[in-house]
Structure formats: structure tokens, C-alpha cells
mmCIF file of all heavy atoms, coordinates in Angstrom:
data_MODEL
# 
_entry.id   MODEL 
# 
loop_
_atom_site.group_PDB 
_atom_site.id 
_atom_site.type_symbol 
_atom_site.label_atom_id 
_atom_site.label_alt_id 
_atom_site.label_comp_id 
_atom_site.label_asym_id 
_atom_site.label_entity_id 
_atom_site.label_seq_id 
_atom_site.pdbx_PDB_ins_code 
_atom_site.Cartn_x 
_atom_site.Cartn_y 
_atom_site.Cartn_z 
_atom_site.occupancy 
_atom_site.B_iso_or_equiv 
_atom_site.pdbx_formal_charge 
_atom_site.auth_seq_id 
_atom_site.auth_comp_id 
_atom_site.auth_asym_id 
_atom_site.auth_atom_id 
_atom_site.pdbx_PDB_model_num 
ATOM 1   N N   . TYR A 1 1  ? 171.941 91.044 81.159 1.00 0.00 ? 1  TYR A N   1 
ATOM 2   C CA  . TYR A 1 1  ? 171.415 91.866 80.041 1.00 0.00 ? 1  TYR A CA  1 
ATOM 3   C C   . TYR A 1 1  ? 170.037 91.361 79.816 1.00 0.00 ? 1  TYR A C   1 
ATOM 4   O O   . TYR A 1 1  ? 169.613 90.248 80.199 1.00 0.00 ? 1  TYR A O   1 
ATOM 5   C CB  . TYR A 1 1  ? 172.278 91.740 78.807 1.00 0.00 ? 1  TYR A CB  1 
ATOM 6   C CG  . TYR A 1 1  ? 172.450 90.331 78.204 1.00 0.00 ? 1  TYR A CG  1 
ATOM 7   C CD1 . TYR A 1 1  ? 171.649 89.862 77.219 1.00 0.00 ? 1  TYR A CD1 1 
ATOM 8   C CD2 . TYR A 1 1  ? 173.437 89.486 78.765 1.00 0.00 ? 1  TYR A CD2 1 
ATOM 9   C CE1 . TYR A 1 1  ? 171.868 88.549 76.685 1.00 0.00 ? 1  TYR A CE1 1 
ATOM 10  C CE2 . TYR A 1 1  ? 173.604 88.226 78.336 1.00 0.00 ? 1  TYR A CE2 1 
ATOM 11  C CZ  . TYR A 1 1  ? 172.813 87.751 77.240 1.00 0.00 ? 1  TYR A CZ  1 
ATOM 12  O OH  . TYR A 1 1  ? 172.996 86.476 76.760 1.00 0.00 ? 1  TYR A OH  1 
ATOM 13  N N   . ARG A 1 2  ? 169.221 92.203 79.200 1.00 0.00 ? 2  ARG A N   1 
ATOM 14  C CA  . ARG A 1 2  ? 167.815 91.912 79.008 1.00 0.00 ? 2  ARG A CA  1 
ATOM 15  C C   . ARG A 1 2  ? 167.455 92.003 77.528 1.00 0.00 ? 2  ARG A C   1 
ATOM 16  O O   . ARG A 1 2  ? 168.228 92.499 76.724 1.00 0.00 ? 2  ARG A O   1 
ATOM 17  C CB  . ARG A 1 2  ? 166.957 92.928 79.750 1.00 0.00 ? 2  ARG A CB  1 
ATOM 18  C CG  . ARG A 1 2  ? 167.043 94.329 79.209 1.00 0.00 ? 2  ARG A CG  1 
ATOM 19  C CD  . ARG A 1 2  ? 165.825 95.177 79.616 1.00 0.00 ? 2  ARG A CD  1 
ATOM 20  N NE  . ARG A 1 2  ? 165.703 96.298 78.668 1.00 0.00 ? 2  ARG A NE  1 
ATOM 21  C CZ  . ARG A 1 2  ? 164.545 96.972 78.562 1.00 0.00 ? 2  ARG A CZ  1 
ATOM 22  N NH1 . ARG A 1 2  ? 163.542 96.663 79.278 1.00 0.00 ? 2  ARG A NH1 1 
ATOM 23  N NH2 . ARG A 1 2  ? 164.551 98.002 77.742 1.00 0.00 ? 2  ARG A NH2 1 
ATOM 24  N N   . THR A 1 3  ? 166.306 91.470 77.176 1.00 0.00 ? 3  THR A N   1 
ATOM 25  C CA  . THR A 1 3  ? 165.817 91.595 75.781 1.00 0.00 ? 3  THR A CA  1 
ATOM 26  C C   . THR A 1 3  ? 165.298 92.998 75.600 1.00 0.00 ? 3  THR A C   1 
ATOM 27  O O   . THR A 1 3  ? 164.973 93.704 76.564 1.00 0.00 ? 3  THR A O   1 
ATOM 28  C CB  . THR A 1 3  ? 164.711 90.554 75.568 1.00 0.00 ? 3  THR A CB  1 
ATOM 29  O OG1 . THR A 1 3  ? 163.648 90.814 76.493 1.00 0.00 ? 3  THR A OG1 1 
ATOM 30  C CG2 . THR A 1 3  ? 165.204 89.144 75.729 1.00 0.00 ? 3  THR A CG2 1 
ATOM 31  N N   . SER A 1 4  ? 165.174 93.391 74.359 1.00 0.00 ? 4  SER A N   1 
ATOM 32  C CA  . SER A 1 4  ? 164.695 94.761 74.058 1.00 0.00 ? 4  SER A CA  1 
ATOM 33  C C   . SER A 1 4  ? 163.212 94.939 74.522 1.00 0.00 ? 4  SER A C   1 
ATOM 34  O O   . SER A 1 4  ? 162.802 96.056 74.856 1.00 0.00 ? 4  SER A O   1 
ATOM 35  C CB  . SER A 1 4  ? 164.797 95.057 72.558 1.00 0.00 ? 4  SER A CB  1 
ATOM 36  O OG  . SER A 1 4  ? 164.024 94.087 71.819 1.00 0.00 ? 4  SER A OG  1 
ATOM 37  N N   . SER A 1 5  ? 162.501 93.860 74.645 1.00 0.00 ? 5  SER A N   1 
ATOM 38  C CA  . SER A 1 5  ? 161.099 93.968 75.084 1.00 0.00 ? 5  SER A CA  1 
ATOM 39  C C   . SER A 1 5  ? 161.044 94.088 76.605 1.00 0.00 ? 5  SER A C   1 
ATOM 40  O O   . SER A 1 5  ? 159.962 94.503 77.099 1.00 0.00 ? 5  SER A O   1 
ATOM 41  C CB  . SER A 1 5  ? 160.298 92.746 74.654 1.00 0.00 ? 5  SER A CB  1 
ATOM 42  O OG  . SER A 1 5  ? 160.808 91.586 75.326 1.00 0.00 ? 5  SER A OG  1 
ATOM 43  N N   . GLY A 1 6  ? 162.102 93.773 77.288 1.00 0.00 ? 6  GLY A N   1 
ATOM 44  C CA  . GLY A 1 6  ? 162.109 93.925 78.773 1.00 0.00 ? 6  GLY A CA  1 
ATOM 45  C C   . GLY A 1 6  ? 161.445 92.780 79.458 1.00 0.00 ? 6  GLY A C   1 
ATOM 46  O O   . GLY A 1 6  ? 161.195 92.832 80.675 1.00 0.00 ? 6  GLY A O   1 
ATOM 47  N N   . SER A 1 7  ? 161.062 91.727 78.704 1.00 0.00 ? 7  SER A N   1 
ATOM 48  C CA  . SER A 1 7  ? 160.364 90.618 79.337 1.00 0.00 ? 7  SER A CA  1 
ATOM 49  C C   . SER A 1 7  ? 161.232 89.425 79.681 1.00 0.00 ? 7  SER A C   1 
ATOM 50  O O   . SER A 1 7  ? 160.715 88.431 80.112 1.00 0.00 ? 7  SER A O   1 
ATOM 51  C CB  . SER A 1 7  ? 159.227 90.171 78.407 1.00 0.00 ? 7  SER A CB  1 
ATOM 52  O OG  . SER A 1 7  ? 159.741 89.676 77.219 1.00 0.00 ? 7  SER A OG  1 
ATOM 53  N N   . ALA A 1 8  ? 162.521 89.566 79.466 1.00 0.00 ? 8  ALA A N   1 
ATOM 54  C CA  . ALA A 1 8  ? 163.469 88.518 79.835 1.00 0.00 ? 8  ALA A CA  1 
ATOM 55  C C   . ALA A 1 8  ? 164.788 89.120 80.190 1.00 0.00 ? 8  ALA A C   1 
ATOM 56  O O   . ALA A 1 8  ? 165.163 90.128 79.648 1.00 0.00 ? 8  ALA A O   1 
ATOM 57  C CB  . ALA A 1 8  ? 163.529 87.482 78.691 1.00 0.00 ? 8  ALA A CB  1 
ATOM 58  N N   . VAL A 1 9  ? 165.503 88.446 81.034 1.00 0.00 ? 9  VAL A N   1 
ATOM 59  C CA  . VAL A 1 9  ? 166.807 88.863 81.464 1.00 0.00 ? 9  VAL A CA  1 
ATOM 60  C C   . VAL A 1 9  ? 167.683 87.654 81.483 1.00 0.00 ? 9  VAL A C   1 
ATOM 61  O O   . VAL A 1 9  ? 167.209 86.500 81.790 1.00 0.00 ? 9  VAL A O   1 
ATOM 62  C CB  . VAL A 1 9  ? 166.776 89.584 82.789 1.00 0.00 ? 9  VAL A CB  1 
ATOM 63  C CG1 . VAL A 1 9  ? 166.464 88.661 83.952 1.00 0.00 ? 9  VAL A CG1 1 
ATOM 64  C CG2 . VAL A 1 9  ? 168.096 90.290 83.041 1.00 0.00 ? 9  VAL A CG2 1 
ATOM 65  N N   . TYR A 1 10 ? 168.964 87.827 81.206 1.00 0.00 ? 10 TYR A N   1 
ATOM 66  C CA  . TYR A 1 10 ? 169.900 86.723 81.157 1.00 0.00 ? 10 TYR A CA  1 
ATOM 67  C C   . TYR A 1 10 ? 171.105 87.054 82.078 1.00 0.00 ? 10 TYR A C   1 
ATOM 68  O O   . TYR A 1 10 ? 171.384 88.223 82.313 1.00 0.00 ? 10 TYR A O   1 
ATOM 69  C CB  . TYR A 1 10 ? 170.436 86.535 79.762 1.00 0.00 ? 10 TYR A CB  1 
ATOM 70  C CG  . TYR A 1 10 ? 169.305 86.262 78.744 1.00 0.00 ? 10 TYR A CG  1 
ATOM 71  C CD1 . TYR A 1 10 ? 168.760 87.321 78.006 1.00 0.00 ? 10 TYR A CD1 1 
ATOM 72  C CD2 . TYR A 1 10 ? 168.897 84.937 78.537 1.00 0.00 ? 10 TYR A CD2 1 
ATOM 73  C CE1 . TYR A 1 10 ? 167.741 87.087 77.150 1.00 0.00 ? 10 TYR A CE1 1 
ATOM 74  C CE2 . TYR A 1 10 ? 167.876 84.710 77.614 1.00 0.00 ? 10 TYR A CE2 1 
ATOM 75  C CZ  . TYR A 1 10 ? 167.285 85.795 76.946 1.00 0.00 ? 10 TYR A CZ  1 
ATOM 76  O OH  . TYR A 1 10 ? 166.230 85.521 76.030 1.00 0.00 ? 10 TYR A OH  1 
ATOM 77  N N   . LEU A 1 11 ? 171.742 85.993 82.537 1.00 0.00 ? 11 LEU A N   1 
ATOM 78  C CA  . LEU A 1 11 ? 172.918 86.154 83.328 1.00 0.00 ? 11 LEU A CA  1 
ATOM 79  C C   . LEU A 1 11 ? 173.986 85.199 82.695 1.00 0.00 ? 11 LEU A C   1 
ATOM 80  O O   . LEU A 1 11 ? 173.890 83.999 82.825 1.00 0.00 ? 11 LEU A O   1 
ATOM 81  C CB  . LEU A 1 11 ? 172.691 85.748 84.781 1.00 0.00 ? 11 LEU A CB  1 
ATOM 82  C CG  . LEU A 1 11 ? 173.882 85.926 85.729 1.00 0.00 ? 11 LEU A CG  1 
ATOM 83  C CD1 . LEU A 1 11 ? 174.220 87.388 85.891 1.00 0.00 ? 11 LEU A CD1 1 
ATOM 84  C CD2 . LEU A 1 11 ? 173.627 85.351 87.098 1.00 0.00 ? 11 LEU A CD2 1 
ATOM 85  N N   . GLN A 1 12 ? 174.935 85.836 82.013 1.00 0.00 ? 12 GLN A N   1 
ATOM 86  C CA  . GLN A 1 12 ? 175.988 85.093 81.416 1.00 0.00 ? 12 GLN A CA  1 
ATOM 87  C C   . GLN A 1 12 ? 177.129 84.946 82.451 1.00 0.00 ? 12 GLN A C   1 
ATOM 88  O O   . GLN A 1 12 ? 177.666 85.957 82.903 1.00 0.00 ? 12 GLN A O   1 
ATOM 89  C CB  . GLN A 1 12 ? 176.510 85.743 80.179 1.00 0.00 ? 12 GLN A CB  1 
ATOM 90  C CG  . GLN A 1 12 ? 177.730 85.038 79.529 1.00 0.00 ? 12 GLN A CG  1 
ATOM 91  C CD  . GLN A 1 12 ? 177.343 83.729 78.942 1.00 0.00 ? 12 GLN A CD  1 
ATOM 92  O OE1 . GLN A 1 12 ? 176.409 83.599 78.162 1.00 0.00 ? 12 GLN A OE1 1 
ATOM 93  N NE2 . GLN A 1 12 ? 178.067 82.669 79.375 1.00 0.00 ? 12 GLN A NE2 1 
ATOM 94  N N   . MET A 1 13 ? 177.459 83.717 82.822 1.00 0.00 ? 13 MET A N   1 
ATOM 95  C CA  . MET A 1 13 ? 178.465 83.482 83.838 1.00 0.00 ? 13 MET A CA  1 
ATOM 96  C C   . MET A 1 13 ? 179.708 82.812 83.271 1.00 0.00 ? 13 MET A C   1 
ATOM 97  O O   . MET A 1 13 ? 179.555 81.802 82.484 1.00 0.00 ? 13 MET A O   1 
ATOM 98  C CB  . MET A 1 13 ? 177.908 82.615 84.993 1.00 0.00 ? 13 MET A CB  1 
ATOM 99  C CG  . MET A 1 13 ? 176.587 83.214 85.563 1.00 0.00 ? 13 MET A CG  1 
ATOM 100 S SD  . MET A 1 13 ? 175.935 82.198 86.964 1.00 0.00 ? 13 MET A SD  1 
ATOM 101 C CE  . MET A 1 13 ? 175.313 80.806 86.008 1.00 0.00 ? 13 MET A CE  1 
ATOM 102 N N   . LYS A 1 14 ? 180.854 83.399 83.488 1.00 0.00 ? 14 LYS A N   1 
ATOM 103 C CA  . LYS A 1 14 ? 182.115 82.853 82.882 1.00 0.00 ? 14 LYS A CA  1 
ATOM 104 C C   . LYS A 1 14 ? 183.108 82.645 83.992 1.00 0.00 ? 14 LYS A C   1 
ATOM 105 O O   . LYS A 1 14 ? 182.989 83.197 85.116 1.00 0.00 ? 14 LYS A O   1 
ATOM 106 C CB  . LYS A 1 14 ? 182.648 83.790 81.829 1.00 0.00 ? 14 LYS A CB  1 
ATOM 107 C CG  . LYS A 1 14 ? 181.774 83.946 80.630 1.00 0.00 ? 14 LYS A CG  1 
ATOM 108 C CD  . LYS A 1 14 ? 182.373 84.859 79.560 1.00 0.00 ? 14 LYS A CD  1 
ATOM 109 C CE  . LYS A 1 14 ? 181.497 85.046 78.371 1.00 0.00 ? 14 LYS A CE  1 
ATOM 110 N NZ  . LYS A 1 14 ? 182.081 85.917 77.344 1.00 0.00 ? 14 LYS A NZ  1 
ATOM 111 N N   . THR A 1 15 ? 184.148 81.918 83.758 1.00 0.00 ? 15 THR A N   1 
ATOM 112 C CA  . THR A 1 15 ? 185.225 81.632 84.709 1.00 0.00 ? 15 THR A CA  1 
ATOM 113 C C   . THR A 1 15 ? 184.634 81.307 86.109 1.00 0.00 ? 15 THR A C   1 
ATOM 114 O O   . THR A 1 15 ? 184.976 81.867 87.115 1.00 0.00 ? 15 THR A O   1 
ATOM 115 C CB  . THR A 1 15 ? 186.156 82.861 84.810 1.00 0.00 ? 15 THR A CB  1 
ATOM 116 O OG1 . THR A 1 15 ? 186.385 83.430 83.504 1.00 0.00 ? 15 THR A OG1 1 
ATOM 117 C CG2 . THR A 1 15 ? 187.497 82.464 85.418 1.00 0.00 ? 15 THR A CG2 1 
ATOM 118 N N   . MET A 1 16 ? 183.721 80.361 86.071 1.00 0.00 ? 16 MET A N   1 
ATOM 119 C CA  . MET A 1 16 ? 183.023 79.999 87.280 1.00 0.00 ? 16 MET A CA  1 
ATOM 120 C C   . MET A 1 16 ? 183.895 79.213 88.261 1.00 0.00 ? 16 MET A C   1 
ATOM 121 O O   . MET A 1 16 ? 184.826 78.479 87.854 1.00 0.00 ? 16 MET A O   1 
ATOM 122 C CB  . MET A 1 16 ? 181.721 79.291 86.923 1.00 0.00 ? 16 MET A CB  1 
ATOM 123 C CG  . MET A 1 16 ? 180.803 80.062 86.042 1.00 0.00 ? 16 MET A CG  1 
ATOM 124 S SD  . MET A 1 16 ? 179.260 79.211 85.733 1.00 0.00 ? 16 MET A SD  1 
ATOM 125 C CE  . MET A 1 16 ? 178.478 79.286 87.321 1.00 0.00 ? 16 MET A CE  1 
ATOM 126 N N   . SER A 1 17 ? 183.571 79.388 89.508 1.00 0.00 ? 17 SER A N   1 
ATOM 127 C CA  . SER A 1 17 ? 184.292 78.644 90.571 1.00 0.00 ? 17 SER A CA  1 
ATOM 128 C C   . SER A 1 17 ? 183.257 77.973 91.495 1.00 0.00 ? 17 SER A C   1 
ATOM 129 O O   . SER A 1 17 ? 182.118 78.297 91.502 1.00 0.00 ? 17 SER A O   1 
ATOM 130 C CB  . SER A 1 17 ? 185.112 79.645 91.412 1.00 0.00 ? 17 SER A CB  1 
ATOM 131 O OG  . SER A 1 17 ? 184.326 80.461 92.185 1.00 0.00 ? 17 SER A OG  1 
ATOM 132 N N   . PRO A 1 18 ? 183.779 76.997 92.263 1.00 0.00 ? 18 PRO A N   1 
ATOM 133 C CA  . PRO A 1 18 ? 182.876 76.301 93.259 1.00 0.00 ? 18 PRO A CA  1 
ATOM 134 C C   . PRO A 1 18 ? 182.090 77.296 94.174 1.00 0.00 ? 18 PRO A C   1 
ATOM 135 O O   . PRO A 1 18 ? 181.014 76.941 94.608 1.00 0.00 ? 18 PRO A O   1 
ATOM 136 C CB  . PRO A 1 18 ? 183.745 75.397 94.049 1.00 0.00 ? 18 PRO A CB  1 
ATOM 137 C CG  . PRO A 1 18 ? 184.863 75.106 93.048 1.00 0.00 ? 18 PRO A CG  1 
ATOM 138 C CD  . PRO A 1 18 ? 185.059 76.346 92.260 1.00 0.00 ? 18 PRO A CD  1 
ATOM 139 N N   . GLU A 1 19 ? 182.688 78.430 94.393 1.00 0.00 ? 19 GLU A N   1 
ATOM 140 C CA  . GLU A 1 19 ? 181.996 79.432 95.268 1.00 0.00 ? 19 GLU A CA  1 
ATOM 141 C C   . GLU A 1 19 ? 180.789 80.051 94.584 1.00 0.00 ? 19 GLU A C   1 
ATOM 142 O O   . GLU A 1 19 ? 179.973 80.683 95.299 1.00 0.00 ? 19 GLU A O   1 
ATOM 143 C CB  . GLU A 1 19 ? 182.996 80.577 95.625 1.00 0.00 ? 19 GLU A CB  1 
ATOM 144 C CG  . GLU A 1 19 ? 184.110 80.199 96.609 1.00 0.00 ? 19 GLU A CG  1 
ATOM 145 C CD  . GLU A 1 19 ? 185.111 79.234 95.987 1.00 0.00 ? 19 GLU A CD  1 
ATOM 146 O OE1 . GLU A 1 19 ? 185.409 79.405 94.802 1.00 0.00 ? 19 GLU A OE1 1 
ATOM 147 O OE2 . GLU A 1 19 ? 185.655 78.419 96.778 1.00 0.00 ? 19 GLU A OE2 1 
ATOM 148 N N   . ASP A 1 20 ? 180.607 79.823 93.345 1.00 0.00 ? 20 ASP A N   1 
ATOM 149 C CA  . ASP A 1 20 ? 179.411 80.250 92.610 1.00 0.00 ? 20 ASP A CA  1 
ATOM 150 C C   . ASP A 1 20 ? 178.237 79.264 92.804 1.00 0.00 ? 20 ASP A C   1 
ATOM 151 O O   . ASP A 1 20 ? 177.116 79.531 92.303 1.00 0.00 ? 20 ASP A O   1 
ATOM 152 C CB  . ASP A 1 20 ? 179.688 80.477 91.172 1.00 0.00 ? 20 ASP A CB  1 
ATOM 153 C CG  . ASP A 1 20 ? 180.703 81.580 90.905 1.00 0.00 ? 20 ASP A CG  1 
ATOM 154 O OD1 . ASP A 1 20 ? 180.589 82.614 91.622 1.00 0.00 ? 20 ASP A OD1 1 
ATOM 155 O OD2 . ASP A 1 20 ? 181.577 81.427 90.036 1.00 0.00 ? 20 ASP A OD2 1 
ATOM 156 N N   . THR A 1 21 ? 178.482 78.135 93.375 1.00 0.00 ? 21 THR A N   1 
ATOM 157 C CA  . THR A 1 21 ? 177.463 77.160 93.576 1.00 0.00 ? 21 THR A CA  1 
ATOM 158 C C   . THR A 1 21 ? 176.336 77.743 94.452 1.00 0.00 ? 21 THR A C   1 
ATOM 159 O O   . THR A 1 21 ? 176.607 78.173 95.582 1.00 0.00 ? 21 THR A O   1 
ATOM 160 C CB  . THR A 1 21 ? 178.018 75.877 94.191 1.00 0.00 ? 21 THR A CB  1 
ATOM 161 O OG1 . THR A 1 21 ? 178.919 75.262 93.287 1.00 0.00 ? 21 THR A OG1 1 
ATOM 162 C CG2 . THR A 1 21 ? 176.879 74.884 94.515 1.00 0.00 ? 21 THR A CG2 1 
ATOM 163 N N   . ALA A 1 22 ? 175.073 77.676 93.991 1.00 0.00 ? 22 ALA A N   1 
ATOM 164 C CA  . ALA A 1 22 ? 173.987 78.219 94.709 1.00 0.00 ? 22 ALA A CA  1 
ATOM 165 C C   . ALA A 1 22 ? 172.684 78.007 93.921 1.00 0.00 ? 22 ALA A C   1 
ATOM 166 O O   . ALA A 1 22 ? 172.745 77.626 92.752 1.00 0.00 ? 22 ALA A O   1 
ATOM 167 C CB  . ALA A 1 22 ? 174.222 79.717 95.002 1.00 0.00 ? 22 ALA A CB  1 
ATOM 168 N N   . VAL A 1 23 ? 171.605 78.324 94.532 1.00 0.00 ? 23 VAL A N   1 
ATOM 169 C CA  . VAL A 1 23 ? 170.314 78.469 93.832 1.00 0.00 ? 23 VAL A CA  1 
ATOM 170 C C   . VAL A 1 23 ? 170.239 79.965 93.398 1.00 0.00 ? 23 VAL A C   1 
ATOM 171 O O   . VAL A 1 23 ? 170.354 80.800 94.220 1.00 0.00 ? 23 VAL A O   1 
ATOM 172 C CB  . VAL A 1 23 ? 169.088 78.069 94.701 1.00 0.00 ? 23 VAL A CB  1 
ATOM 173 C CG1 . VAL A 1 23 ? 167.840 78.272 93.951 1.00 0.00 ? 23 VAL A CG1 1 
ATOM 174 C CG2 . VAL A 1 23 ? 169.264 76.628 95.164 1.00 0.00 ? 23 VAL A CG2 1 
ATOM 175 N N   . TYR A 1 24 ? 170.038 80.095 92.131 1.00 0.00 ? 24 TYR A N   1 
ATOM 176 C CA  . TYR A 1 24 ? 169.952 81.461 91.586 1.00 0.00 ? 24 TYR A CA  1 
ATOM 177 C C   . TYR A 1 24 ? 168.507 81.860 91.373 1.00 0.00 ? 24 TYR A C   1 
ATOM 178 O O   . TYR A 1 24 ? 167.726 81.101 90.757 1.00 0.00 ? 24 TYR A O   1 
ATOM 179 C CB  . TYR A 1 24 ? 170.725 81.547 90.260 1.00 0.00 ? 24 TYR A CB  1 
ATOM 180 C CG  . TYR A 1 24 ? 172.237 81.582 90.490 1.00 0.00 ? 24 TYR A CG  1 
ATOM 181 C CD1 . TYR A 1 24 ? 172.921 80.473 90.947 1.00 0.00 ? 24 TYR A CD1 1 
ATOM 182 C CD2 . TYR A 1 24 ? 172.945 82.754 90.249 1.00 0.00 ? 24 TYR A CD2 1 
ATOM 183 C CE1 . TYR A 1 24 ? 174.266 80.550 91.127 1.00 0.00 ? 24 TYR A CE1 1 
ATOM 184 C CE2 . TYR A 1 24 ? 174.319 82.808 90.397 1.00 0.00 ? 24 TYR A CE2 1 
ATOM 185 C CZ  . TYR A 1 24 ? 174.983 81.691 90.895 1.00 0.00 ? 24 TYR A CZ  1 
ATOM 186 O OH  . TYR A 1 24 ? 176.350 81.724 91.085 1.00 0.00 ? 24 TYR A OH  1 
# 
């Protein structure tokens, strides 16, 4: 999701697993 201004975005990650390990 992003801010209303469109100048930032977020990635909320839940129920994470070792397979999610990476550089994002």
C-alpha cells in the first residue's frame, strides 16, 4: 500500500517463512 501523496510505499509481511529471506 502507498501513502495518499504517492511518495511512499509499504510492504506489510506476515506469516513469514525462511523462503522469504532475500534482499528486497
